[in-house]
Amino acid sequence: MNIRPLSDHIVALRIEETEKRAGGLVIPDTAKDKPMTAKVVAVGSGRILDNGERLPPEVEKGARVLIGKYAGSEFELDGVDYLVLREDDVLGIVG
């Protein structure tokens, strides 16, 4: 991937959930929700505060994060679907 997000933006890949559940049921594609976890693949340099200082991002490349179901904007690059969102859209860091 050759993309560098600006300011407080993050580029991530949604982590797909497994199709089988513990009870052995298979969930059809039409009934699945969008995954709410993602792996961060690129991070911007941080948000610029009102006083002109740059606040470094809390999220690091490689982190697994929780995101809102409809957060960010999806785009395709080299046949892979990515998600670009603001650091404020990250609900938490997993792990």
PDB file of N, CA and C in Angstrom:
ATOM      1  N   MET A   1       0.846  -1.176   0.000  1.00  0.00           N
ATOM      2  CA  MET A   1       0.000   0.000   0.000  1.00  0.00           C
ATOM      3  C   MET A   1       0.887   1.233   0.000  1.00  0.00           C
ATOM      4  N   ASN A   2       0.552   2.194  -0.832  1.00  0.00           N
ATOM      5  CA  ASN A   2       1.332   3.411  -0.924  1.00  0.00           C
ATOM      6  C   ASN A   2       0.421   4.611  -0.694  1.00  0.00           C
ATOM      7  N   ILE A   3       0.039   4.846   0.560  1.00  0.00           N
ATOM      8  CA  ILE A   3      -0.799   5.986   0.915  1.00  0.00           C
ATOM      9  C   ILE A   3      -0.342   6.515   2.268  1.00  0.00           C
ATOM     10  N   ARG A   4      -0.324   7.817   2.402  1.00  0.00           N
ATOM     11  CA  ARG A   4       0.069   8.453   3.663  1.00  0.00           C
ATOM     12  C   ARG A   4      -1.068   9.364   4.104  1.00  0.00           C
ATOM     13  N   PRO A   5      -1.782   8.994   5.174  1.00  0.00           N
ATOM     14  CA  PRO A   5      -2.885   9.831   5.633  1.00  0.00           C
ATOM     15  C   PRO A   5      -2.376  11.148   6.218  1.00  0.00           C
ATOM     16  N   LEU A   6      -3.175  12.185   6.098  1.00  0.00           N
ATOM     17  CA  LEU A   6      -2.806  13.505   6.596  1.00  0.00           C
ATOM     18  C   LEU A   6      -3.417  13.764   7.968  1.00  0.00           C
ATOM     19  N   SER A   7      -2.827  14.652   8.710  1.00  0.00           N
ATOM     20  CA  SER A   7      -3.244  15.108  10.043  1.00  0.00           C
ATOM     21  C   SER A   7      -3.709  13.964  10.932  1.00  0.00           C
ATOM     22  N   ASP A   8      -4.960  13.975  11.379  1.00  0.00           N
ATOM     23  CA  ASP A   8      -5.427  12.965  12.340  1.00  0.00           C
ATOM     24  C   ASP A   8      -6.195  11.830  11.666  1.00  0.00           C
ATOM     25  N   HIS A   9      -5.916  11.588  10.394  1.00  0.00           N
ATOM     26  CA  HIS A   9      -6.584  10.498   9.681  1.00  0.00           C
ATOM     27  C   HIS A   9      -5.838   9.181   9.868  1.00  0.00           C
ATOM     28  N   ILE A  10      -6.597   8.094   9.767  1.00  0.00           N
ATOM     29  CA  ILE A  10      -6.078   6.736   9.937  1.00  0.00           C
ATOM     30  C   ILE A  10      -6.581   5.898   8.776  1.00  0.00           C
ATOM     31  N   VAL A  11      -5.737   5.046   8.225  1.00  0.00           N
ATOM     32  CA  VAL A  11      -6.148   4.080   7.206  1.00  0.00           C
ATOM     33  C   VAL A  11      -6.156   2.710   7.877  1.00  0.00           C
ATOM     34  N   ALA A  12      -7.256   1.978   7.699  1.00  0.00           N
ATOM     35  CA  ALA A  12      -7.407   0.694   8.381  1.00  0.00           C
ATOM     36  C   ALA A  12      -8.056  -0.335   7.453  1.00  0.00           C
ATOM     37  N   LEU A  13      -7.895  -1.588   7.827  1.00  0.00           N
ATOM     38  CA  LEU A  13      -8.557  -2.715   7.161  1.00  0.00           C
ATOM     39  C   LEU A  13      -9.564  -3.306   8.128  1.00  0.00           C
ATOM     40  N   ARG A  14     -10.800  -3.482   7.687  1.00  0.00           N
ATOM     41  CA  ARG A  14     -11.792  -4.127   8.546  1.00  0.00           C
ATOM     42  C   ARG A  14     -11.382  -5.579   8.764  1.00  0.00           C
ATOM     43  N   ILE A  15     -11.542  -6.064   9.982  1.00  0.00           N
ATOM     44  CA  ILE A  15     -11.259  -7.458  10.302  1.00  0.00           C
ATOM     45  C   ILE A  15     -12.571  -8.219  10.198  1.00  0.00           C
ATOM     46  N   GLU A  16     -12.624  -9.131   9.242  1.00  0.00           N
ATOM     47  CA  GLU A  16     -13.838  -9.901   9.009  1.00  0.00           C
ATOM     48  C   GLU A  16     -14.030 -10.935  10.115  1.00  0.00           C
ATOM     49  N   GLU A  17     -15.262 -11.074  10.566  1.00  0.00           N
ATOM     50  CA  GLU A  17     -15.582 -12.080  11.572  1.00  0.00           C
ATOM     51  C   GLU A  17     -15.721 -13.435  10.898  1.00  0.00           C
ATOM     52  N   THR A  18     -15.541 -14.494  11.674  1.00  0.00           N
ATOM     53  CA  THR A  18     -15.697 -15.833  11.123  1.00  0.00           C
ATOM     54  C   THR A  18     -17.164 -16.105  10.824  1.00  0.00           C
ATOM     55  N   GLU A  19     -17.408 -16.958   9.849  1.00  0.00           N
ATOM     56  CA  GLU A  19     -18.779 -17.248   9.440  1.00  0.00           C
ATOM     57  C   GLU A  19     -19.493 -18.200  10.387  1.00  0.00           C
ATOM     58  N   LYS A  20     -18.764 -19.071  11.063  1.00  0.00           N
ATOM     59  CA  LYS A  20     -19.374 -20.026  11.973  1.00  0.00           C
ATOM     60  C   LYS A  20     -19.367 -19.491  13.386  1.00  0.00           C
ATOM     61  N   ARG A  21     -20.422 -19.732  14.093  1.00  0.00           N
ATOM     62  CA  ARG A  21     -20.530 -19.363  15.502  1.00  0.00           C
ATOM     63  C   ARG A  21     -20.230 -20.576  16.370  1.00  0.00           C
ATOM     64  N   ALA A  22     -20.149 -20.375  17.670  1.00  0.00           N
ATOM     65  CA  ALA A  22     -19.809 -21.457  18.593  1.00  0.00           C
ATOM     66  C   ALA A  22     -20.784 -22.625  18.491  1.00  0.00           C
ATOM     67  N   GLY A  23     -22.039 -22.357  18.208  1.00  0.00           N
ATOM     68  CA  GLY A  23     -23.042 -23.414  18.102  1.00  0.00           C
ATOM     69  C   GLY A  23     -23.003 -24.147  16.775  1.00  0.00           C
ATOM     70  N   GLY A  24     -22.138 -23.744  15.864  1.00  0.00           N
ATOM     71  CA  GLY A  24     -22.014 -24.397  14.575  1.00  0.00           C
ATOM     72  C   GLY A  24     -22.904 -23.804  13.499  1.00  0.00           C
ATOM     73  N   LEU A  25     -23.657 -22.737  13.818  1.00  0.00           N
ATOM     74  CA  LEU A  25     -24.522 -22.102  12.819  1.00  0.00           C
ATOM     75  C   LEU A  25     -23.697 -21.269  11.856  1.00  0.00           C
ATOM     76  N   VAL A  26     -24.078 -21.281  10.608  1.00  0.00           N
ATOM     77  CA  VAL A  26     -23.422 -20.465   9.593  1.00  0.00           C
ATOM     78  C   VAL A  26     -24.326 -19.282   9.305  1.00  0.00           C
ATOM     79  N   ILE A  27     -23.772 -18.083   9.398  1.00  0.00           N
ATOM     80  CA  ILE A  27     -24.525 -16.862   9.155  1.00  0.00           C
ATOM     81  C   ILE A  27     -24.414 -16.501   7.672  1.00  0.00           C
ATOM     82  N   PRO A  28     -25.539 -16.340   6.957  1.00  0.00           N
ATOM     83  CA  PRO A  28     -25.460 -15.955   5.543  1.00  0.00           C
ATOM     84  C   PRO A  28     -24.941 -14.523   5.395  1.00  0.00           C
ATOM     85  N   ASP A  29     -24.323 -14.231   4.245  1.00  0.00           N
ATOM     86  CA  ASP A  29     -23.745 -12.911   3.988  1.00  0.00           C
ATOM     87  C   ASP A  29     -24.769 -11.792   4.136  1.00  0.00           C
ATOM     88  N   THR A  30     -26.011 -12.041   3.763  1.00  0.00           N
ATOM     89  CA  THR A  30     -27.027 -10.997   3.812  1.00  0.00           C
ATOM     90  C   THR A  30     -27.404 -10.622   5.233  1.00  0.00           C
ATOM     91  N   ALA A  31     -27.155 -11.467   6.201  1.00  0.00           N
ATOM     92  CA  ALA A  31     -27.526 -11.201   7.590  1.00  0.00           C
ATOM     93  C   ALA A  31     -26.366 -10.665   8.415  1.00  0.00           C
ATOM     94  N   LYS A  32     -25.181 -10.577   7.834  1.00  0.00           N
ATOM     95  CA  LYS A  32     -24.006 -10.133   8.582  1.00  0.00           C
ATOM     96  C   LYS A  32     -23.973  -8.620   8.696  1.00  0.00           C
ATOM     97  N   ASP A  33     -23.528  -8.141   9.851  1.00  0.00           N
ATOM     98  CA  ASP A  33     -23.260  -6.721  10.041  1.00  0.00           C
ATOM     99  C   ASP A  33     -21.831  -6.445   9.631  1.00  0.00           C
ATOM    100  N   LYS A  34     -21.532  -5.173   9.391  1.00  0.00           N
ATOM    101  CA  LYS A  34     -20.151  -4.802   9.096  1.00  0.00           C
ATOM    102  C   LYS A  34     -19.313  -5.051  10.340  1.00  0.00           C
ATOM    103  N   PRO A  35     -18.114  -5.553  10.190  1.00  0.00           N
ATOM    104  CA  PRO A  35     -17.249  -5.756  11.355  1.00  0.00           C
ATOM    105  C   PRO A  35     -16.948  -4.422  12.037  1.00  0.00           C
ATOM    106  N   MET A  36     -16.837  -4.466  13.332  1.00  0.00           N
ATOM    107  CA  MET A  36     -16.575  -3.248  14.083  1.00  0.00           C
ATOM    108  C   MET A  36     -15.149  -3.210  14.612  1.00  0.00           C
ATOM    109  N   THR A  37     -14.298  -4.121  14.151  1.00  0.00           N
ATOM    110  CA  THR A  37     -12.890  -4.074  14.502  1.00  0.00           C
ATOM    111  C   THR A  37     -12.084  -3.888  13.222  1.00  0.00           C
ATOM    112  N   ALA A  38     -10.945  -3.247  13.358  1.00  0.00           N
ATOM    113  CA  ALA A  38     -10.098  -2.985  12.194  1.00  0.00           C
ATOM    114  C   ALA A  38      -8.640  -2.977  12.620  1.00  0.00           C
ATOM    115  N   LYS A  39      -7.777  -3.241  11.651  1.00  0.00           N
ATOM    116  CA  LYS A  39      -6.333  -3.189  11.876  1.00  0.00           C
ATOM    117  C   LYS A  39      -5.800  -1.924  11.216  1.00  0.00           C
ATOM    118  N   VAL A  40      -5.078  -1.119  11.970  1.00  0.00           N
ATOM    119  CA  VAL A  40      -4.533   0.144  11.477  1.00  0.00           C
ATOM    120  C   VAL A  40      -3.317  -0.149  10.605  1.00  0.00           C
ATOM    121  N   VAL A  41      -3.333   0.354   9.360  1.00  0.00           N
ATOM    122  CA  VAL A  41      -2.220   0.123   8.441  1.00  0.00           C
ATOM    123  C   VAL A  41      -1.399   1.387   8.183  1.00  0.00           C
ATOM    124  N   ALA A  42      -1.951   2.567   8.510  1.00  0.00           N
ATOM    125  CA  ALA A  42      -1.211   3.821   8.361  1.00  0.00           C
ATOM    126  C   ALA A  42      -1.844   4.881   9.252  1.00  0.00           C
ATOM    127  N   VAL A  43      -1.003   5.764   9.792  1.00  0.00           N
ATOM    128  CA  VAL A  43      -1.466   6.811  10.705  1.00  0.00           C
ATOM    129  C   VAL A  43      -0.877   8.146  10.268  1.00  0.00           C
ATOM    130  N   GLY A  44      -1.695   9.194  10.331  1.00  0.00           N
ATOM    131  CA  GLY A  44      -1.223  10.537  10.007  1.00  0.00           C
ATOM    132  C   GLY A  44      -0.325  11.088  11.102  1.00  0.00           C
ATOM    133  N   SER A  45       0.145  12.304  10.918  1.00  0.00           N
ATOM    134  CA  SER A  45       1.098  12.908  11.858  1.00  0.00           C
ATOM    135  C   SER A  45       0.446  13.499  13.096  1.00  0.00           C
ATOM    136  N   GLY A  46      -0.873  13.625  13.132  1.00  0.00           N
ATOM    137  CA  GLY A  46      -1.566  14.133  14.311  1.00  0.00           C
ATOM    138  C   GLY A  46      -2.352  15.398  14.026  1.00  0.00           C
ATOM    139  N   ARG A  47      -3.214  15.725  14.974  1.00  0.00           N
ATOM    140  CA  ARG A  47      -4.104  16.877  14.843  1.00  0.00           C
ATOM    141  C   ARG A  47      -3.376  18.146  15.262  1.00  0.00           C
ATOM    142  N   ILE A  48      -3.667  19.249  14.577  1.00  0.00           N
ATOM    143  CA  ILE A  48      -3.095  20.544  14.937  1.00  0.00           C
ATOM    144  C   ILE A  48      -4.089  21.245  15.855  1.00  0.00           C
ATOM    145  N   LEU A  49      -3.612  21.631  17.040  1.00  0.00           N
ATOM    146  CA  LEU A  49      -4.459  22.294  18.026  1.00  0.00           C
ATOM    147  C   LEU A  49      -4.637  23.770  17.676  1.00  0.00           C
ATOM    148  N   ASP A  50      -5.554  24.444  18.379  1.00  0.00           N
ATOM    149  CA  ASP A  50      -5.827  25.863  18.127  1.00  0.00           C
ATOM    150  C   ASP A  50      -4.604  26.747  18.347  1.00  0.00           C
ATOM    151  N   ASN A  51      -3.709  26.340  19.247  1.00  0.00           N
ATOM    152  CA  ASN A  51      -2.517  27.146  19.515  1.00  0.00           C
ATOM    153  C   ASN A  51      -1.378  26.859  18.528  1.00  0.00           C
ATOM    154  N   GLY A  52      -1.625  25.987  17.529  1.00  0.00           N
ATOM    155  CA  GLY A  52      -0.640  25.697  16.501  1.00  0.00           C
ATOM    156  C   GLY A  52       0.227  24.482  16.777  1.00  0.00           C
ATOM    157  N   GLU A  53       0.137  23.930  17.977  1.00  0.00           N
ATOM    158  CA  GLU A  53       0.925  22.733  18.296  1.00  0.00           C
ATOM    159  C   GLU A  53       0.271  21.496  17.694  1.00  0.00           C
ATOM    160  N   ARG A  54       1.099  20.500  17.395  1.00  0.00           N
ATOM    161  CA  ARG A  54       0.601  19.247  16.835  1.00  0.00           C
ATOM    162  C   ARG A  54       0.456  18.220  17.958  1.00  0.00           C
ATOM    163  N   LEU A  55      -0.738  17.621  18.064  1.00  0.00           N
ATOM    164  CA  LEU A  55      -1.008  16.576  19.044  1.00  0.00           C
ATOM    165  C   LEU A  55      -0.765  15.231  18.372  1.00  0.00           C
ATOM    166  N   PRO A  56       0.259  14.476  18.794  1.00  0.00           N
ATOM    167  CA  PRO A  56       0.540  13.193  18.129  1.00  0.00           C
ATOM    168  C   PRO A  56      -0.612  12.211  18.329  1.00  0.00           C
ATOM    169  N   PRO A  57      -0.839  11.318  17.365  1.00  0.00           N
ATOM    170  CA  PRO A  57      -1.944  10.363  17.480  1.00  0.00           C
ATOM    171  C   PRO A  57      -1.689   9.333  18.577  1.00  0.00           C
ATOM    172  N   GLU A  58      -2.783   8.876  19.213  1.00  0.00           N
ATOM    173  CA  GLU A  58      -2.691   7.833  20.235  1.00  0.00           C
ATOM    174  C   GLU A  58      -2.656   6.448  19.599  1.00  0.00           C
ATOM    175  N   VAL A  59      -3.210   6.329  18.405  1.00  0.00           N
ATOM    176  CA  VAL A  59      -3.293   5.052  17.710  1.00  0.00           C
ATOM    177  C   VAL A  59      -2.024   4.843  16.900  1.00  0.00           C
ATOM    178  N   GLU A  60      -1.466   3.629  16.968  1.00  0.00           N
ATOM    179  CA  GLU A  60      -0.247   3.317  16.235  1.00  0.00           C
ATOM    180  C   GLU A  60      -0.524   2.331  15.102  1.00  0.00           C
ATOM    181  N   LYS A  61       0.349   2.326  14.123  1.00  0.00           N
ATOM    182  CA  LYS A  61       0.258   1.373  13.026  1.00  0.00           C
ATOM    183  C   LYS A  61       0.339  -0.046  13.588  1.00  0.00           C
ATOM    184  N   GLY A  62      -0.542  -0.926  13.114  1.00  0.00           N
ATOM    185  CA  GLY A  62      -0.564  -2.310  13.574  1.00  0.00           C
ATOM    186  C   GLY A  62      -1.549  -2.565  14.697  1.00  0.00           C
ATOM    187  N   ALA A  63      -2.098  -1.493  15.290  1.00  0.00           N
ATOM    188  CA  ALA A  63      -3.047  -1.653  16.395  1.00  0.00           C
ATOM    189  C   ALA A  63      -4.374  -2.209  15.888  1.00  0.00           C
ATOM    190  N   ARG A  64      -5.048  -2.942  16.750  1.00  0.00           N
ATOM    191  CA  ARG A  64      -6.400  -3.439  16.463  1.00  0.00           C
ATOM    192  C   ARG A  64      -7.365  -2.523  17.215  1.00  0.00           C
ATOM    193  N   VAL A  65      -8.309  -1.914  16.498  1.00  0.00           N
ATOM    194  CA  VAL A  65      -9.165  -0.890  17.087  1.00  0.00           C
ATOM    195  C   VAL A  65     -10.646  -1.222  16.903  1.00  0.00           C
ATOM    196  N   LEU A  66     -11.458  -0.659  17.789  1.00  0.00           N
ATOM    197  CA  LEU A  66     -12.910  -0.731  17.675  1.00  0.00           C
ATOM    198  C   LEU A  66     -13.374   0.543  16.993  1.00  0.00           C
ATOM    199  N   ILE A  67     -14.263   0.394  16.016  1.00  0.00           N
ATOM    200  CA  ILE A  67     -14.772   1.555  15.292  1.00  0.00           C
ATOM    201  C   ILE A  67     -16.285   1.467  15.208  1.00  0.00           C
ATOM    202  N   GLY A  68     -16.914   2.581  14.923  1.00  0.00           N
ATOM    203  CA  GLY A  68     -18.354   2.600  14.724  1.00  0.00           C
ATOM    204  C   GLY A  68     -18.724   1.857  13.452  1.00  0.00           C
ATOM    205  N   LYS A  69     -19.931   1.323  13.423  1.00  0.00           N
ATOM    206  CA  LYS A  69     -20.381   0.504  12.293  1.00  0.00           C
ATOM    207  C   LYS A  69     -20.294   1.254  10.964  1.00  0.00           C
ATOM    208  N   TYR A  70     -20.626   2.542  10.979  1.00  0.00           N
ATOM    209  CA  TYR A  70     -20.639   3.319   9.735  1.00  0.00           C
ATOM    210  C   TYR A  70     -19.571   4.410   9.722  1.00  0.00           C
ATOM    211  N   ALA A  71     -18.520   4.250  10.515  1.00  0.00           N
ATOM    212  CA  ALA A  71     -17.455   5.254  10.615  1.00  0.00           C
ATOM    213  C   ALA A  71     -16.578   5.246   9.368  1.00  0.00           C
ATOM    214  N   GLY A  72     -16.088   6.411   9.014  1.00  0.00           N
ATOM    215  CA  GLY A  72     -15.102   6.527   7.951  1.00  0.00           C
ATOM    216  C   GLY A  72     -15.656   6.404   6.551  1.00  0.00           C
ATOM    217  N   SER A  73     -14.742   6.425   5.606  1.00  0.00           N
ATOM    218  CA  SER A  73     -15.070   6.299   4.184  1.00  0.00           C
ATOM    219  C   SER A  73     -14.259   5.148   3.602  1.00  0.00           C
ATOM    220  N   GLU A  74     -14.917   4.307   2.837  1.00  0.00           N
ATOM    221  CA  GLU A  74     -14.242   3.159   2.236  1.00  0.00           C
ATOM    222  C   GLU A  74     -13.681   3.537   0.877  1.00  0.00           C
ATOM    223  N   PHE A  75     -12.528   2.959   0.536  1.00  0.00           N
ATOM    224  CA  PHE A  75     -11.948   3.137  -0.788  1.00  0.00           C
ATOM    225  C   PHE A  75     -11.178   1.874  -1.146  1.00  0.00           C
ATOM    226  N   GLU A  76     -10.952   1.688  -2.435  1.00  0.00           N
ATOM    227  CA  GLU A  76     -10.226   0.511  -2.917  1.00  0.00           C
ATOM    228  C   GLU A  76      -8.895   0.954  -3.508  1.00  0.00           C
ATOM    229  N   LEU A  77      -7.829   0.224  -3.145  1.00  0.00           N
ATOM    230  CA  LEU A  77      -6.499   0.499  -3.666  1.00  0.00           C
ATOM    231  C   LEU A  77      -5.816  -0.828  -3.926  1.00  0.00           C
ATOM    232  N   ASP A  78      -5.395  -1.058  -5.143  1.00  0.00           N
ATOM    233  CA  ASP A  78      -4.741  -2.309  -5.542  1.00  0.00           C
ATOM    234  C   ASP A  78      -5.601  -3.538  -5.234  1.00  0.00           C
ATOM    235  N   GLY A  79      -6.918  -3.398  -5.403  1.00  0.00           N
ATOM    236  CA  GLY A  79      -7.829  -4.520  -5.204  1.00  0.00           C
ATOM    237  C   GLY A  79      -8.170  -4.827  -3.757  1.00  0.00           C
ATOM    238  N   VAL A  80      -7.739  -3.972  -2.820  1.00  0.00           N
ATOM    239  CA  VAL A  80      -8.013  -4.180  -1.397  1.00  0.00           C
ATOM    240  C   VAL A  80      -8.901  -3.042  -0.907  1.00  0.00           C
ATOM    241  N   ASP A  81      -9.941  -3.376  -0.131  1.00  0.00           N
ATOM    242  CA  ASP A  81     -10.845  -2.370   0.423  1.00  0.00           C
ATOM    243  C   ASP A  81     -10.296  -1.839   1.738  1.00  0.00           C
ATOM    244  N   TYR A  82     -10.032  -0.542   1.777  1.00  0.00           N
ATOM    245  CA  TYR A  82      -9.519   0.126   2.976  1.00  0.00           C
ATOM    246  C   TYR A  82     -10.577   1.059   3.528  1.00  0.00           C
ATOM    247  N   LEU A  83     -10.330   1.531   4.724  1.00  0.00           N
ATOM    248  CA  LEU A  83     -11.216   2.461   5.397  1.00  0.00           C
ATOM    249  C   LEU A  83     -10.361   3.617   5.892  1.00  0.00           C
ATOM    250  N   VAL A  84     -10.746   4.847   5.574  1.00  0.00           N
ATOM    251  CA  VAL A  84     -10.037   6.020   6.097  1.00  0.00           C
ATOM    252  C   VAL A  84     -10.981   6.726   7.064  1.00  0.00           C
ATOM    253  N   LEU A  85     -10.476   7.002   8.264  1.00  0.00           N
ATOM    254  CA  LEU A  85     -11.305   7.633   9.280  1.00  0.00           C
ATOM    255  C   LEU A  85     -10.459   8.556  10.134  1.00  0.00           C
ATOM    256  N   ARG A  86     -11.113   9.388  10.902  1.00  0.00           N
ATOM    257  CA  ARG A  86     -10.409  10.283  11.835  1.00  0.00           C
ATOM    258  C   ARG A  86     -10.134   9.524  13.117  1.00  0.00           C
ATOM    259  N   GLU A  87      -9.113   9.964  13.820  1.00  0.00           N
ATOM    260  CA  GLU A  87      -8.783   9.321  15.089  1.00  0.00           C
ATOM    261  C   GLU A  87      -9.956   9.410  16.066  1.00  0.00           C
ATOM    262  N   ASP A  88     -10.759  10.466  15.974  1.00  0.00           N
ATOM    263  CA  ASP A  88     -11.932  10.628  16.843  1.00  0.00           C
ATOM    264  C   ASP A  88     -12.965   9.532  16.606  1.00  0.00           C
ATOM    265  N   ASP A  89     -12.948   8.887  15.420  1.00  0.00           N
ATOM    266  CA  ASP A  89     -13.900   7.811  15.115  1.00  0.00           C
ATOM    267  C   ASP A  89     -13.532   6.483  15.771  1.00  0.00           C
ATOM    268  N   VAL A  90     -12.305   6.404  16.305  1.00  0.00           N
ATOM    269  CA  VAL A  90     -11.867   5.180  16.983  1.00  0.00           C
ATOM    270  C   VAL A  90     -12.458   5.169  18.381  1.00  0.00           C
ATOM    271  N   LEU A  91     -13.176   4.090  18.706  1.00  0.00           N
ATOM    272  CA  LEU A  91     -13.827   3.978  20.007  1.00  0.00           C
ATOM    273  C   LEU A  91     -12.883   3.429  21.072  1.00  0.00           C
ATOM    274  N   GLY A  92     -11.916   2.612  20.665  1.00  0.00           N
ATOM    275  CA  GLY A  92     -10.981   2.045  21.625  1.00  0.00           C
ATOM    276  C   GLY A  92      -9.949   1.184  20.934  1.00  0.00           C
ATOM    277  N   ILE A  93      -8.911   0.845  21.675  1.00  0.00           N
ATOM    278  CA  ILE A  93      -7.843  -0.012  21.172  1.00  0.00           C
ATOM    279  C   ILE A  93      -7.985  -1.383  21.835  1.00  0.00           C
ATOM    280  N   VAL A  94      -7.992  -2.452  21.042  1.00  0.00           N
ATOM    281  CA  VAL A  94      -8.153  -3.799  21.550  1.00  0.00           C
ATOM    282  C   VAL A  94      -6.781  -4.380  21.845  1.00  0.00           C
ATOM    283  N   GLY A  95      -6.670  -5.023  23.000  1.00  0.00           N
ATOM    284  CA  GLY A  95      -5.426  -5.721  23.339  1.00  0.00           C
ATOM    285  C   GLY A  95      -4.588  -4.917  24.173  1.00  0.00           C
TER     286      GLY A  95
END
